[in-house]
C-alpha atoms as a PDB file:
ATOM      1  CA  MET A   1      44.756  96.895 125.650  1.00  0.00           C
ATOM      2  CA  GLU A   2      45.670  98.834 122.487  1.00  0.00           C
ATOM      3  CA  SER A   3      46.649  97.154 119.555  1.00  0.00           C
ATOM      4  CA  ASN A   4      49.991  99.288 118.841  1.00  0.00           C
ATOM      5  CA  GLY A   5      52.022 101.829 120.900  1.00  0.00           C
ATOM      6  CA  PHE A   6      55.442 103.044 121.898  1.00  0.00           C
ATOM      7  CA  LEU A   7      57.639 102.421 125.187  1.00  0.00           C
ATOM      8  CA  TYR A   8      60.285 104.488 126.204  1.00  0.00           C
ATOM      9  CA  VAL A   9      62.166 103.485 129.205  1.00  0.00           C
ATOM     10  CA  ALA A  10      64.193 106.018 131.280  1.00  0.00           C
ATOM     11  CA  SER A  11      66.369 105.122 134.435  1.00  0.00           C
ATOM     12  CA  LEU A  12      69.698 105.759 135.921  1.00  0.00           C
ATOM     13  CA  ASN A  13      70.744 109.201 134.684  1.00  0.00           C
ATOM     14  CA  PRO A  14      68.284 112.326 134.653  1.00  0.00           C
ATOM     15  CA  ILE A  15      69.257 113.120 131.051  1.00  0.00           C
ATOM     16  CA  PHE A  16      67.147 110.251 129.911  1.00  0.00           C
ATOM     17  CA  ILE A  17      64.047 111.621 131.048  1.00  0.00           C
ATOM     18  CA  SER A  18      64.350 114.609 129.551  1.00  0.00           C
ATOM     19  CA  ALA A  19      65.240 112.945 126.233  1.00  0.00           C
ATOM     20  CA  ALA A  20      62.401 110.740 126.614  1.00  0.00           C
ATOM     21  CA  ARG A  21      60.110 113.824 126.660  1.00  0.00           C
ATOM     22  CA  TYR A  22      61.963 115.088 123.575  1.00  0.00           C
ATOM     23  CA  SER A  23      61.547 112.488 121.490  1.00  0.00           C
ATOM     24  CA  ALA A  24      57.866 111.836 122.543  1.00  0.00           C
ATOM     25  CA  ILE A  25      56.667 114.953 122.187  1.00  0.00           C
ATOM     26  CA  SER A  26      58.314 115.127 118.414  1.00  0.00           C
ATOM     27  CA  LEU A  27      56.373 111.572 117.672  1.00  0.00           C
ATOM     28  CA  LYS A  28      53.389 113.186 118.897  1.00  0.00           C
ATOM     29  CA  ASP A  29      54.014 116.324 116.754  1.00  0.00           C
ATOM     30  CA  HIS A  30      53.902 114.113 113.767  1.00  0.00           C
ATOM     31  CA  TRP A  31      51.377 111.630 115.177  1.00  0.00           C
ATOM     32  CA  PRO A  32      49.029 112.781 117.779  1.00  0.00           C
ATOM     33  CA  GLU A  33      46.754 109.659 118.008  1.00  0.00           C
ATOM     34  CA  ALA A  34      50.236 107.673 118.979  1.00  0.00           C
ATOM     35  CA  HIS A  35      49.854 105.617 122.144  1.00  0.00           C
ATOM     36  CA  ILE A  36      53.116 106.062 124.370  1.00  0.00           C
ATOM     37  CA  THR A  37      53.937 104.499 127.461  1.00  0.00           C
ATOM     38  CA  LEU A  38      57.181 105.500 129.769  1.00  0.00           C
ATOM     39  CA  PHE A  39      58.632 103.021 132.633  1.00  0.00           C
ATOM     40  CA  THR A  40      61.084 105.600 134.779  1.00  0.00           C
ATOM     41  CA  HIS A  41      61.060 106.360 138.218  1.00  0.00           C
ATOM     42  CA  GLU A  42      58.167 107.652 140.608  1.00  0.00           C
ATOM     43  CA  ASP A  43      60.631 111.232 141.436  1.00  0.00           C
ATOM     44  CA  TRP A  44      61.444 112.041 138.195  1.00  0.00           C
ATOM     45  CA  ILE A  45      57.636 112.542 136.831  1.00  0.00           C
ATOM     46  CA  GLU A  46      56.494 116.039 136.485  1.00  0.00           C
ATOM     47  CA  GLU A  47      52.867 116.916 136.014  1.00  0.00           C
ATOM     48  CA  ASP A  48      53.473 117.762 132.523  1.00  0.00           C
ATOM     49  CA  ASP A  49      54.464 114.226 131.647  1.00  0.00           C
ATOM     50  CA  LYS A  50      50.855 112.918 131.594  1.00  0.00           C
ATOM     51  CA  LYS A  51      50.608 115.400 128.655  1.00  0.00           C
ATOM     52  CA  ILE A  52      52.931 113.525 126.573  1.00  0.00           C
ATOM     53  CA  PHE A  53      52.444 109.754 127.778  1.00  0.00           C
ATOM     54  CA  ASP A  54      49.676 107.868 128.021  1.00  0.00           C
ATOM     55  CA  ARG A  55      50.908 105.599 130.356  1.00  0.00           C
ATOM     56  CA  ILE A  56      53.797 105.881 133.128  1.00  0.00           C
ATOM     57  CA  CYS A  57      54.963 102.995 135.169  1.00  0.00           C
ATOM     58  CA  THR A  58      57.305 103.343 137.976  1.00  0.00           C
ATOM     59  CA  GLY A  59      59.312 100.975 140.089  1.00  0.00           C
ATOM     60  CA  THR A  60      62.128 100.653 137.583  1.00  0.00           C
ATOM     61  CA  PRO A  61      65.525  99.753 138.355  1.00  0.00           C
ATOM     62  CA  ARG A  62      67.930 102.311 138.539  1.00  0.00           C
ATOM     63  CA  HIS A  63      69.963 100.526 135.995  1.00  0.00           C
ATOM     64  CA  VAL A  64      71.932 100.758 132.963  1.00  0.00           C
ATOM     65  CA  ARG A  65      70.229  98.299 131.142  1.00  0.00           C
ATOM     66  CA  ALA A  66      66.894  98.989 132.649  1.00  0.00           C
ATOM     67  CA  LYS A  67      65.224  98.473 129.213  1.00  0.00           C
ATOM     68  CA  LEU A  68      65.257  94.797 129.335  1.00  0.00           C
ATOM     69  CA  TRP A  69      63.491  94.840 132.433  1.00  0.00           C
ATOM     70  CA  ALA A  70      60.924  96.821 131.067  1.00  0.00           C
ATOM     71  CA  LEU A  71      60.141  94.861 127.560  1.00  0.00           C
ATOM     72  CA  ASP A  72      57.910  92.107 128.743  1.00  0.00           C
ATOM     73  CA  LYS A  73      55.651  94.538 130.628  1.00  0.00           C
ATOM     74  CA  THR A  74      54.416  96.255 127.483  1.00  0.00           C
ATOM     75  CA  PRO A  75      50.898  96.847 127.453  1.00  0.00           C
ATOM     76  CA  TYR A  76      50.554  96.390 123.862  1.00  0.00           C
ATOM     77  CA  GLU A  77      49.640  93.620 121.322  1.00  0.00           C
ATOM     78  CA  LEU A  78      52.858  95.247 118.942  1.00  0.00           C
ATOM     79  CA  THR A  79      55.254  97.142 120.628  1.00  0.00           C
ATOM     80  CA  CYS A  80      57.904  99.441 119.213  1.00  0.00           C
ATOM     81  CA  TYR A  81      60.768  99.896 121.790  1.00  0.00           C
ATOM     82  CA  ILE A  82      62.420 103.517 120.859  1.00  0.00           C
ATOM     83  CA  ASP A  83      65.522 104.477 122.957  1.00  0.00           C
ATOM     84  CA  CYS A  84      64.934 108.169 124.424  1.00  0.00           C
ATOM     85  CA  ASP A  85      67.604 109.536 122.459  1.00  0.00           C
ATOM     86  CA  THR A  86      65.863 109.846 119.086  1.00  0.00           C
ATOM     87  CA  GLN A  87      63.912 112.322 117.415  1.00  0.00           C
ATOM     88  CA  VAL A  88      60.897 111.794 114.823  1.00  0.00           C
ATOM     89  CA  HIS A  89      61.127 113.859 111.835  1.00  0.00           C
ATOM     90  CA  ASN A  90      57.841 113.154 109.717  1.00  0.00           C
ATOM     91  CA  GLU A  91      54.512 112.183 109.468  1.00  0.00           C
ATOM     92  CA  ASP A  92      55.469 108.546 107.830  1.00  0.00           C
ATOM     93  CA  ILE A  93      56.196 107.493 111.410  1.00  0.00           C
ATOM     94  CA  LYS A  94      52.479 106.373 111.616  1.00  0.00           C
ATOM     95  CA  TYR A  95      53.639 103.751 109.234  1.00  0.00           C
ATOM     96  CA  ILE A  96      56.222 101.938 111.187  1.00  0.00           C
ATOM     97  CA  PHE A  97      53.845  99.676 112.463  1.00  0.00           C
ATOM     98  CA  GLU A  98      53.594  98.202 108.829  1.00  0.00           C
ATOM     99  CA  GLN A  99      57.563  97.316 108.979  1.00  0.00           C
ATOM    100  CA  HIS A 100      56.907  94.316 110.953  1.00  0.00           C
ATOM    101  CA  ASP A 101      56.421  91.086 109.269  1.00  0.00           C
ATOM    102  CA  PRO A 102      53.735  89.215 111.032  1.00  0.00           C
ATOM    103  CA  GLU A 103      55.505  85.813 110.735  1.00  0.00           C
ATOM    104  CA  ALA A 104      58.320  87.420 112.800  1.00  0.00           C
ATOM    105  CA  ASN A 105      58.482  87.937 116.607  1.00  0.00           C
ATOM    106  CA  ILE A 106      60.649  90.869 116.348  1.00  0.00           C
ATOM    107  CA  SER A 107      61.480  93.242 113.555  1.00  0.00           C
ATOM    108  CA  MET A 108      64.512  95.698 113.450  1.00  0.00           C
ATOM    109  CA  SER A 109      66.955  97.498 111.705  1.00  0.00           C
ATOM    110  CA  ARG A 110      70.356  95.927 110.728  1.00  0.00           C
ATOM    111  CA  ALA A 111      73.207  97.391 112.188  1.00  0.00           C
ATOM    112  CA  ARG A 112      75.896  98.898 110.546  1.00  0.00           C
ATOM    113  CA  ALA A 113      79.462  97.702 111.649  1.00  0.00           C
ATOM    114  CA  TYR A 114      81.267 100.806 109.978  1.00  0.00           C
ATOM    115  CA  ALA A 115      79.401 102.881 112.134  1.00  0.00           C
ATOM    116  CA  ALA A 116      79.530 100.633 115.391  1.00  0.00           C
ATOM    117  CA  SER A 117      81.513 101.970 118.196  1.00  0.00           C
ATOM    118  CA  ILE A 118      83.067  98.444 119.040  1.00  0.00           C
ATOM    119  CA  ASP A 119      84.034  95.825 116.717  1.00  0.00           C
ATOM    120  CA  ALA A 120      81.066  94.011 115.376  1.00  0.00           C
ATOM    121  CA  LYS A 121      82.564  90.989 114.211  1.00  0.00           C
ATOM    122  CA  PHE A 122      84.379  88.740 116.793  1.00  0.00           C
ATOM    123  CA  PRO A 123      85.784  84.723 116.457  1.00  0.00           C
ATOM    124  CA  GLY A 124      82.715  83.469 117.868  1.00  0.00           C
ATOM    125  CA  GLY A 125      80.275  86.044 115.941  1.00  0.00           C
ATOM    126  CA  GLU A 126      78.691  88.987 114.335  1.00  0.00           C
ATOM    127  CA  LEU A 127      76.359  91.696 116.172  1.00  0.00           C
ATOM    128  CA  ILE A 128      74.074  92.018 113.164  1.00  0.00           C
ATOM    129  CA  ASP A 129      71.055  93.155 115.102  1.00  0.00           C
ATOM    130  CA  HIS A 130      70.658  96.844 116.057  1.00  0.00           C
ATOM    131  CA  CYS A 131      68.613  97.188 119.604  1.00  0.00           C
ATOM    132  CA  GLY A 132      68.151 100.458 119.679  1.00  0.00           C
ATOM    133  CA  LEU A 133      64.700 100.430 118.378  1.00  0.00           C
ATOM    134  CA  PHE A 134      62.676  97.420 117.447  1.00  0.00           C
ATOM    135  CA  LEU A 135      58.790  96.033 117.252  1.00  0.00           C
ATOM    136  CA  TYR A 136      57.698  92.701 118.604  1.00  0.00           C
ATOM    137  CA  ASP A 137      54.691  90.987 119.319  1.00  0.00           C
ATOM    138  CA  ASN A 138      53.510  89.835 122.803  1.00  0.00           C
ATOM    139  CA  LYS A 139      53.083  86.066 122.140  1.00  0.00           C
ATOM    140  CA  PRO A 140      54.355  84.306 125.269  1.00  0.00           C
ATOM    141  CA  LYS A 141      57.635  82.860 123.584  1.00  0.00           C
ATOM    142  CA  THR A 142      58.344  86.397 122.671  1.00  0.00           C
ATOM    143  CA  LEU A 143      58.460  88.157 125.973  1.00  0.00           C
ATOM    144  CA  ASN A 144      59.805  85.253 127.957  1.00  0.00           C
ATOM    145  CA  PHE A 145      62.795  86.119 125.084  1.00  0.00           C
ATOM    146  CA  MET A 146      62.407  89.407 126.845  1.00  0.00           C
ATOM    147  CA  LYS A 147      62.561  88.467 130.416  1.00  0.00           C
ATOM    148  CA  GLU A 148      65.634  86.101 129.327  1.00  0.00           C
ATOM    149  CA  TRP A 149      67.368  88.918 127.566  1.00  0.00           C
ATOM    150  CA  TRP A 150      67.519  90.795 131.136  1.00  0.00           C
ATOM    151  CA  ASN A 151      68.510  88.048 132.788  1.00  0.00           C
ATOM    152  CA  GLN A 152      71.023  86.953 130.709  1.00  0.00           C
ATOM    153  CA  TYR A 153      72.669  90.586 130.292  1.00  0.00           C
ATOM    154  CA  ARG A 154      72.609  90.521 134.594  1.00  0.00           C
ATOM    155  CA  LEU A 155      74.825  87.074 134.214  1.00  0.00           C
ATOM    156  CA  GLN A 156      76.729  88.416 131.273  1.00  0.00           C
ATOM    157  CA  THR A 157      77.960  91.537 133.497  1.00  0.00           C
ATOM    158  CA  THR A 158      78.687  89.464 136.581  1.00  0.00           C
ATOM    159  CA  ALA A 159      82.443  88.871 136.754  1.00  0.00           C
ATOM    160  CA  SER A 160      81.937  85.033 137.794  1.00  0.00           C
ATOM    161  CA  GLU A 161      79.441  84.492 134.684  1.00  0.00           C
ATOM    162  CA  TRP A 162      81.940  86.362 132.170  1.00  0.00           C
ATOM    163  CA  ALA A 163      84.739  84.198 133.650  1.00  0.00           C
ATOM    164  CA  LYS A 164      82.928  81.383 131.865  1.00  0.00           C
ATOM    165  CA  PHE A 165      82.465  82.504 128.267  1.00  0.00           C
ATOM    166  CA  ASP A 166      85.711  81.696 126.130  1.00  0.00           C
ATOM    167  CA  LYS A 167      87.650  84.665 125.649  1.00  0.00           C
ATOM    168  CA  GLU A 168      89.342  83.579 122.346  1.00  0.00           C
ATOM    169  CA  LEU A 169      85.380  83.486 120.849  1.00  0.00           C
ATOM    170  CA  TYR A 170      83.964  86.013 122.932  1.00  0.00           C
ATOM    171  CA  PRO A 171      86.476  89.192 123.777  1.00  0.00           C
ATOM    172  CA  ASN A 172      86.103  91.096 126.687  1.00  0.00           C
ATOM    173  CA  TYR A 173      84.968  94.148 125.202  1.00  0.00           C
ATOM    174  CA  LEU A 174      81.621  92.237 124.495  1.00  0.00           C
ATOM    175  CA  GLN A 175      80.743  92.104 128.169  1.00  0.00           C
ATOM    176  CA  PRO A 176      78.932  95.000 128.573  1.00  0.00           C
ATOM    177  CA  TRP A 177      76.652  95.333 125.297  1.00  0.00           C
ATOM    178  CA  ASP A 178      72.940  94.238 125.489  1.00  0.00           C
ATOM    179  CA  MET A 179      73.371  93.559 121.570  1.00  0.00           C
ATOM    180  CA  PHE A 180      75.494  90.645 122.806  1.00  0.00           C
ATOM    181  CA  SER A 181      72.885  89.281 125.409  1.00  0.00           C
ATOM    182  CA  PHE A 182      70.701  89.543 122.529  1.00  0.00           C
ATOM    183  CA  TRP A 183      72.919  87.732 119.613  1.00  0.00           C
ATOM    184  CA  TRP A 184      73.587  85.046 122.949  1.00  0.00           C
ATOM    185  CA  LEU A 185      69.931  83.932 123.113  1.00  0.00           C
ATOM    186  CA  GLN A 186      69.427  84.033 119.397  1.00  0.00           C
ATOM    187  CA  ASN A 187      72.147  81.990 118.808  1.00  0.00           C
ATOM    188  CA  ASN A 188      73.405  79.555 121.714  1.00  0.00           C
ATOM    189  CA  THR A 189      69.723  79.160 123.629  1.00  0.00           C
ATOM    190  CA  GLU A 190      66.362  77.515 123.146  1.00  0.00           C
ATOM    191  CA  HIS A 191      64.789  80.919 123.789  1.00  0.00           C
ATOM    192  CA  LYS A 192      65.776  82.060 120.427  1.00  0.00           C
ATOM    193  CA  ILE A 193      62.414  83.764 118.539  1.00  0.00           C
ATOM    194  CA  LYS A 194      62.108  84.539 114.570  1.00  0.00           C
ATOM    195  CA  ARG A 195      63.540  88.052 113.680  1.00  0.00           C
ATOM    196  CA  SER A 196      63.023  90.315 110.592  1.00  0.00           C
ATOM    197  CA  TYR A 197      64.277  93.457 109.181  1.00  0.00           C
ATOM    198  CA  PHE A 198      62.644  96.196 108.388  1.00  0.00           C
ATOM    199  CA  PRO A 199      62.106  96.660 104.257  1.00  0.00           C
ATOM    200  CA  ASP A 200      64.917  98.645 103.169  1.00  0.00           C
ATOM    201  CA  PRO A 201      65.522 101.074 103.119  1.00  0.00           C
ATOM    202  CA  ASP A 202      65.688 100.186 106.844  1.00  0.00           C
ATOM    203  CA  ALA A 203      67.857 102.954 108.223  1.00  0.00           C
ATOM    204  CA  ARG A 204      64.886 105.605 107.705  1.00  0.00           C
ATOM    205  CA  TRP A 205      63.124 104.078 110.935  1.00  0.00           C
ATOM    206  CA  ASN A 206      66.327 104.219 112.764  1.00  0.00           C
ATOM    207  CA  PHE A 207      69.189 106.210 111.092  1.00  0.00           C
ATOM    208  CA  ILE A 208      72.300 106.537 113.357  1.00  0.00           C
ATOM    209  CA  TYR A 209      74.075 109.856 113.519  1.00  0.00           C
ATOM    210  CA  THR A 210      77.500 108.060 112.428  1.00  0.00           C
ATOM    211  CA  TYR A 211      75.757 106.538 109.279  1.00  0.00           C
ATOM    212  CA  ASP A 212      76.274 107.413 105.717  1.00  0.00           C
ATOM    213  CA  ILE A 213      73.107 109.489 104.558  1.00  0.00           C
ATOM    214  CA  LYS A 214      73.484 107.095 101.256  1.00  0.00           C
ATOM    215  CA  GLU A 215      71.630 104.284 103.434  1.00  0.00           C
ATOM    216  CA  LEU A 216      68.756 106.167 103.106  1.00  0.00           C
ATOM    217  CA  MET A 217      68.556 105.247  99.437  1.00  0.00           C
ATOM    218  CA  GLY A 218      66.843 108.871  98.805  1.00  0.00           C
ATOM    219  CA  LYS A 219      64.011 108.495 101.123  1.00  0.00           C
ATOM    220  CA  SER A 220      63.712 110.672 104.149  1.00  0.00           C
ATOM    221  CA  CYS A 221      64.895 109.867 107.693  1.00  0.00           C
ATOM    222  CA  VAL A 222      61.875 109.132 109.892  1.00  0.00           C
ATOM    223  CA  ILE A 223      63.697 108.397 113.227  1.00  0.00           C
ATOM    224  CA  SER A 224      67.338 109.718 113.866  1.00  0.00           C
ATOM    225  CA  HIS A 225      69.021 108.601 116.684  1.00  0.00           C
ATOM    226  CA  ARG A 226      71.765 109.886 118.651  1.00  0.00           C
ATOM    227  CA  PRO A 227      73.322 109.641 122.248  1.00  0.00           C
ATOM    228  CA  VAL A 228      72.765 112.016 124.647  1.00  0.00           C
ATOM    229  CA  PRO A 229      75.819 113.934 126.732  1.00  0.00           C
ATOM    230  CA  ARG A 230      76.161 112.289 129.974  1.00  0.00           C
END
């Protein structure tokens, strides 16, 4: 088992395997020694993928949140989960694992409410964690959280389970978001794990295309994040 590595998950729409290749190549361009694992579908794999990814795992469900299914199956002691629709821009990527707080189970960047596609604040709470890129360890409690995140999301998106949520506290627009599943586990269950944020400027490690450039605080952007057309 390698100590550190990156994990991509491409499922449901073929655009994601193309995006994963593009992102992983940009990563390798700036850090050739990086370890990268891909979870995807067997019929999507091309011969050249073996030159990009160190491991390719199949059996991935064709699901909009297949990433949640894959998280607990990481082969690394410390994993950087990274969305497919990202690009690595410079050699500082080799320092990303140093952004993890060893006292925490998961480290991530803060979500910016002004840049969100939904209202981050709702009567029952606020979505404050960006779940498109994060570092997490392989301790049993952490991996169990990842399993529960997958389970919680699937429950949340069924009509019968969602009907149990108090809609005055949790409006219907939250139902399809894995960020809400993460928030729920952290705030309403015994599965909570210790979370920390990347040191400022945390946005340089996950710079969303709708962010103000001031979020970088004069530093270079290491990873940018822009949804692919689909």
